[in-house]
Amino acid sequence: MARRVPLFLKRRSYRRRRLRDAARLLPVFGAFFFLLPVLWSPGESPAPDTASDGLYLFVVWFLLILAAAALAPGLDGGADDDGTEP
């Protein structure tokens, strides 16, 4: 009798793949949030609001670092539980 291949991935393998997907999307989200101030309408003052935009960029940068640090422990680079290489 032929051995049946499971229909679904193991839970740990599935979560590790989704974690890798999230890590791959992190630069895309970062680029979007870095370019977001360009879409903002200028303030009522004729001078550009560089202080608030600069603060915004550093906050986004810091949050991206925290997100990468949160995702990093799960990205060990080893083989999945189902025996396939990344």
N, C-alpha and C. Protein backbone atom coordinates (compact mmCIF):
# COMPACT_ATOMS: atom_id res chain seq x y z
N MET A 1 0.85 -1.18 0.00
CA MET A 1 0.00 0.00 0.00
C MET A 1 0.89 1.24 0.00
N ALA A 2 0.55 2.20 -0.84
CA ALA A 2 1.36 3.41 -0.96
C ALA A 2 1.17 4.30 0.26
N ARG A 3 2.25 4.89 0.68
CA ARG A 3 2.20 5.80 1.83
C ARG A 3 1.58 7.12 1.38
N ARG A 4 0.60 7.60 2.13
CA ARG A 4 -0.09 8.85 1.78
C ARG A 4 0.69 10.05 2.29
N VAL A 5 0.78 11.04 1.46
CA VAL A 5 1.41 12.30 1.85
C VAL A 5 0.35 13.14 2.55
N PRO A 6 0.69 13.71 3.72
CA PRO A 6 -0.32 14.52 4.42
C PRO A 6 -0.75 15.71 3.57
N LEU A 7 -2.02 16.05 3.70
CA LEU A 7 -2.59 17.15 2.93
C LEU A 7 -2.08 18.50 3.43
N PHE A 8 -1.91 18.64 4.73
CA PHE A 8 -1.49 19.90 5.32
C PHE A 8 -0.07 19.79 5.86
N LEU A 9 0.60 20.94 5.94
CA LEU A 9 1.94 20.98 6.53
C LEU A 9 1.84 20.85 8.04
N LYS A 10 2.94 20.44 8.64
CA LYS A 10 2.97 20.42 10.11
C LYS A 10 2.87 21.85 10.62
N ARG A 11 2.33 21.99 11.80
CA ARG A 11 2.08 23.32 12.35
C ARG A 11 3.36 24.14 12.48
N ARG A 12 4.43 23.53 12.97
CA ARG A 12 5.68 24.27 13.16
C ARG A 12 6.27 24.70 11.82
N SER A 13 6.22 23.82 10.85
CA SER A 13 6.73 24.14 9.53
C SER A 13 5.91 25.26 8.89
N TYR A 14 4.61 25.20 9.03
CA TYR A 14 3.73 26.23 8.47
C TYR A 14 4.03 27.59 9.10
N ARG A 15 4.15 27.62 10.42
CA ARG A 15 4.43 28.89 11.09
C ARG A 15 5.80 29.44 10.72
N ARG A 16 6.78 28.57 10.54
CA ARG A 16 8.12 29.03 10.15
C ARG A 16 8.09 29.63 8.75
N ARG A 17 7.32 29.03 7.85
CA ARG A 17 7.22 29.58 6.50
C ARG A 17 6.51 30.93 6.51
N ARG A 18 5.46 31.06 7.30
CA ARG A 18 4.75 32.35 7.38
C ARG A 18 5.63 33.41 8.02
N LEU A 19 6.48 33.01 8.95
CA LEU A 19 7.42 33.95 9.56
C LEU A 19 8.43 34.43 8.54
N ARG A 20 8.89 33.52 7.68
CA ARG A 20 9.80 33.93 6.61
C ARG A 20 9.10 34.88 5.63
N ASP A 21 7.83 34.60 5.35
CA ASP A 21 7.08 35.50 4.47
C ASP A 21 6.96 36.90 5.08
N ALA A 22 6.70 36.95 6.38
CA ALA A 22 6.60 38.25 7.06
C ALA A 22 7.94 38.98 7.02
N ALA A 23 9.04 38.24 7.18
CA ALA A 23 10.36 38.87 7.13
C ALA A 23 10.67 39.39 5.73
N ARG A 24 10.18 38.70 4.70
CA ARG A 24 10.40 39.16 3.33
C ARG A 24 9.58 40.41 3.02
N LEU A 25 8.43 40.56 3.66
CA LEU A 25 7.59 41.73 3.42
C LEU A 25 8.01 42.95 4.23
N LEU A 26 8.83 42.76 5.24
CA LEU A 26 9.25 43.86 6.10
C LEU A 26 9.90 45.01 5.32
N PRO A 27 10.82 44.76 4.37
CA PRO A 27 11.38 45.88 3.60
C PRO A 27 10.34 46.61 2.74
N VAL A 28 9.32 45.88 2.27
CA VAL A 28 8.27 46.51 1.47
C VAL A 28 7.47 47.47 2.35
N PHE A 29 7.10 46.99 3.55
CA PHE A 29 6.39 47.87 4.48
C PHE A 29 7.26 49.06 4.88
N GLY A 30 8.55 48.82 5.08
CA GLY A 30 9.46 49.91 5.44
C GLY A 30 9.53 50.96 4.35
N ALA A 31 9.63 50.52 3.09
CA ALA A 31 9.68 51.48 1.98
C ALA A 31 8.38 52.28 1.90
N PHE A 32 7.24 51.61 2.12
CA PHE A 32 5.96 52.31 2.09
C PHE A 32 5.90 53.37 3.18
N PHE A 33 6.30 53.00 4.40
CA PHE A 33 6.22 53.95 5.50
C PHE A 33 7.26 55.05 5.39
N PHE A 34 8.41 54.78 4.76
CA PHE A 34 9.39 55.84 4.53
C PHE A 34 8.91 56.84 3.48
N LEU A 35 8.16 56.37 2.50
CA LEU A 35 7.69 57.25 1.44
C LEU A 35 6.35 57.90 1.77
N LEU A 36 5.72 57.50 2.84
CA LEU A 36 4.41 58.04 3.21
C LEU A 36 4.43 59.55 3.44
N PRO A 37 5.47 60.14 4.05
CA PRO A 37 5.45 61.61 4.23
C PRO A 37 5.40 62.39 2.92
N VAL A 38 5.82 61.78 1.81
CA VAL A 38 5.76 62.46 0.53
C VAL A 38 4.30 62.70 0.14
N LEU A 39 3.42 61.79 0.55
CA LEU A 39 2.00 61.90 0.19
C LEU A 39 1.24 62.86 1.09
N TRP A 40 1.82 63.21 2.24
CA TRP A 40 1.13 64.11 3.16
C TRP A 40 1.00 65.49 2.53
N SER A 41 -0.09 66.14 2.82
CA SER A 41 -0.23 67.51 2.34
C SER A 41 0.64 68.41 3.20
N PRO A 42 1.21 69.44 2.60
CA PRO A 42 2.07 70.34 3.39
C PRO A 42 1.24 71.07 4.45
N GLY A 43 1.91 71.48 5.51
CA GLY A 43 1.24 72.20 6.59
C GLY A 43 0.77 73.57 6.14
N GLU A 44 0.10 74.23 7.03
CA GLU A 44 -0.41 75.57 6.70
C GLU A 44 0.70 76.60 6.60
N SER A 45 1.84 76.29 7.18
CA SER A 45 2.96 77.22 7.10
C SER A 45 3.66 77.06 5.75
N PRO A 46 4.25 78.14 5.22
CA PRO A 46 4.93 78.03 3.93
C PRO A 46 6.23 77.24 4.01
N ALA A 47 6.82 77.15 5.21
CA ALA A 47 8.07 76.41 5.38
C ALA A 47 7.75 74.92 5.56
N PRO A 48 8.61 74.05 5.06
CA PRO A 48 8.36 72.62 5.23
C PRO A 48 8.51 72.21 6.70
N ASP A 49 7.74 71.21 7.11
CA ASP A 49 7.79 70.71 8.49
C ASP A 49 8.83 69.59 8.58
N THR A 50 10.09 69.96 8.51
CA THR A 50 11.14 68.95 8.49
C THR A 50 11.35 68.28 9.84
N ALA A 51 11.08 68.98 10.92
CA ALA A 51 11.29 68.40 12.24
C ALA A 51 10.33 67.24 12.49
N SER A 52 9.06 67.43 12.19
CA SER A 52 8.10 66.35 12.41
C SER A 52 8.31 65.20 11.43
N ASP A 53 8.69 65.52 10.19
CA ASP A 53 8.97 64.47 9.22
C ASP A 53 10.21 63.67 9.61
N GLY A 54 11.24 64.36 10.08
CA GLY A 54 12.44 63.67 10.54
C GLY A 54 12.17 62.79 11.74
N LEU A 55 11.38 63.30 12.67
CA LEU A 55 11.01 62.49 13.83
C LEU A 55 10.21 61.27 13.40
N TYR A 56 9.29 61.45 12.47
CA TYR A 56 8.50 60.34 11.94
C TYR A 56 9.42 59.27 11.34
N LEU A 57 10.40 59.68 10.52
CA LEU A 57 11.29 58.71 9.89
C LEU A 57 12.10 57.92 10.92
N PHE A 58 12.58 58.60 11.97
CA PHE A 58 13.33 57.87 12.99
C PHE A 58 12.45 56.93 13.79
N VAL A 59 11.20 57.30 14.03
CA VAL A 59 10.28 56.41 14.74
C VAL A 59 9.98 55.18 13.88
N VAL A 60 9.74 55.39 12.59
CA VAL A 60 9.49 54.25 11.70
C VAL A 60 10.72 53.36 11.62
N TRP A 61 11.88 53.95 11.53
CA TRP A 61 13.12 53.19 11.48
C TRP A 61 13.27 52.35 12.74
N PHE A 62 13.02 52.96 13.91
CA PHE A 62 13.11 52.23 15.17
C PHE A 62 12.10 51.09 15.23
N LEU A 63 10.87 51.32 14.76
CA LEU A 63 9.85 50.27 14.77
C LEU A 63 10.20 49.14 13.81
N LEU A 64 10.83 49.46 12.68
CA LEU A 64 11.28 48.41 11.77
C LEU A 64 12.39 47.56 12.41
N ILE A 65 13.26 48.21 13.16
CA ILE A 65 14.31 47.47 13.87
C ILE A 65 13.69 46.54 14.90
N LEU A 66 12.69 47.04 15.64
CA LEU A 66 12.02 46.19 16.63
C LEU A 66 11.28 45.02 15.96
N ALA A 67 10.64 45.28 14.83
CA ALA A 67 9.94 44.21 14.12
C ALA A 67 10.93 43.16 13.62
N ALA A 68 12.06 43.59 13.10
CA ALA A 68 13.08 42.65 12.63
C ALA A 68 13.65 41.84 13.79
N ALA A 69 13.84 42.49 14.93
CA ALA A 69 14.34 41.78 16.11
C ALA A 69 13.32 40.78 16.62
N ALA A 70 12.03 41.09 16.48
CA ALA A 70 10.99 40.16 16.92
C ALA A 70 10.90 38.95 15.98
N LEU A 71 11.15 39.17 14.69
CA LEU A 71 11.07 38.08 13.72
C LEU A 71 12.34 37.23 13.67
N ALA A 72 13.46 37.78 14.05
CA ALA A 72 14.75 37.11 13.89
C ALA A 72 14.89 35.78 14.63
N PRO A 73 14.41 35.64 15.86
CA PRO A 73 14.62 34.34 16.53
C PRO A 73 13.97 33.16 15.82
N GLY A 74 12.90 33.37 15.11
CA GLY A 74 12.25 32.28 14.40
C GLY A 74 12.87 31.96 13.06
N LEU A 75 13.80 32.76 12.61
CA LEU A 75 14.44 32.56 11.31
C LEU A 75 15.81 31.91 11.51
N ASP A 76 15.81 30.65 11.87
CA ASP A 76 17.08 30.00 12.16
C ASP A 76 17.78 29.49 10.92
N GLY A 77 17.09 29.44 9.77
CA GLY A 77 17.73 29.05 8.53
C GLY A 77 17.88 27.56 8.35
N GLY A 78 17.38 26.75 9.28
CA GLY A 78 17.47 25.30 9.15
C GLY A 78 16.40 24.74 8.24
N ALA A 79 16.42 23.44 8.11
CA ALA A 79 15.44 22.77 7.29
C ALA A 79 14.09 22.76 7.99
N ASP A 80 13.03 22.72 7.20
CA ASP A 80 11.69 22.63 7.78
C ASP A 80 11.48 21.26 8.40
N ASP A 81 10.43 21.13 9.16
CA ASP A 81 10.12 19.86 9.80
C ASP A 81 9.73 18.77 8.82
N ASP A 82 9.28 19.15 7.63
CA ASP A 82 8.87 18.16 6.65
C ASP A 82 10.04 17.67 5.81
N GLY A 83 11.26 18.14 6.13
CA GLY A 83 12.47 17.65 5.49
C GLY A 83 12.89 18.41 4.25
N THR A 84 12.18 19.44 3.87
CA THR A 84 12.56 20.21 2.69
C THR A 84 13.48 21.35 3.09
N GLU A 85 14.35 21.68 2.19
CA GLU A 85 15.26 22.81 2.43
C GLU A 85 14.56 24.09 2.11
N PRO A 86 14.99 25.24 2.72
CA PRO A 86 14.36 26.53 2.41
C PRO A 86 14.58 26.97 0.99
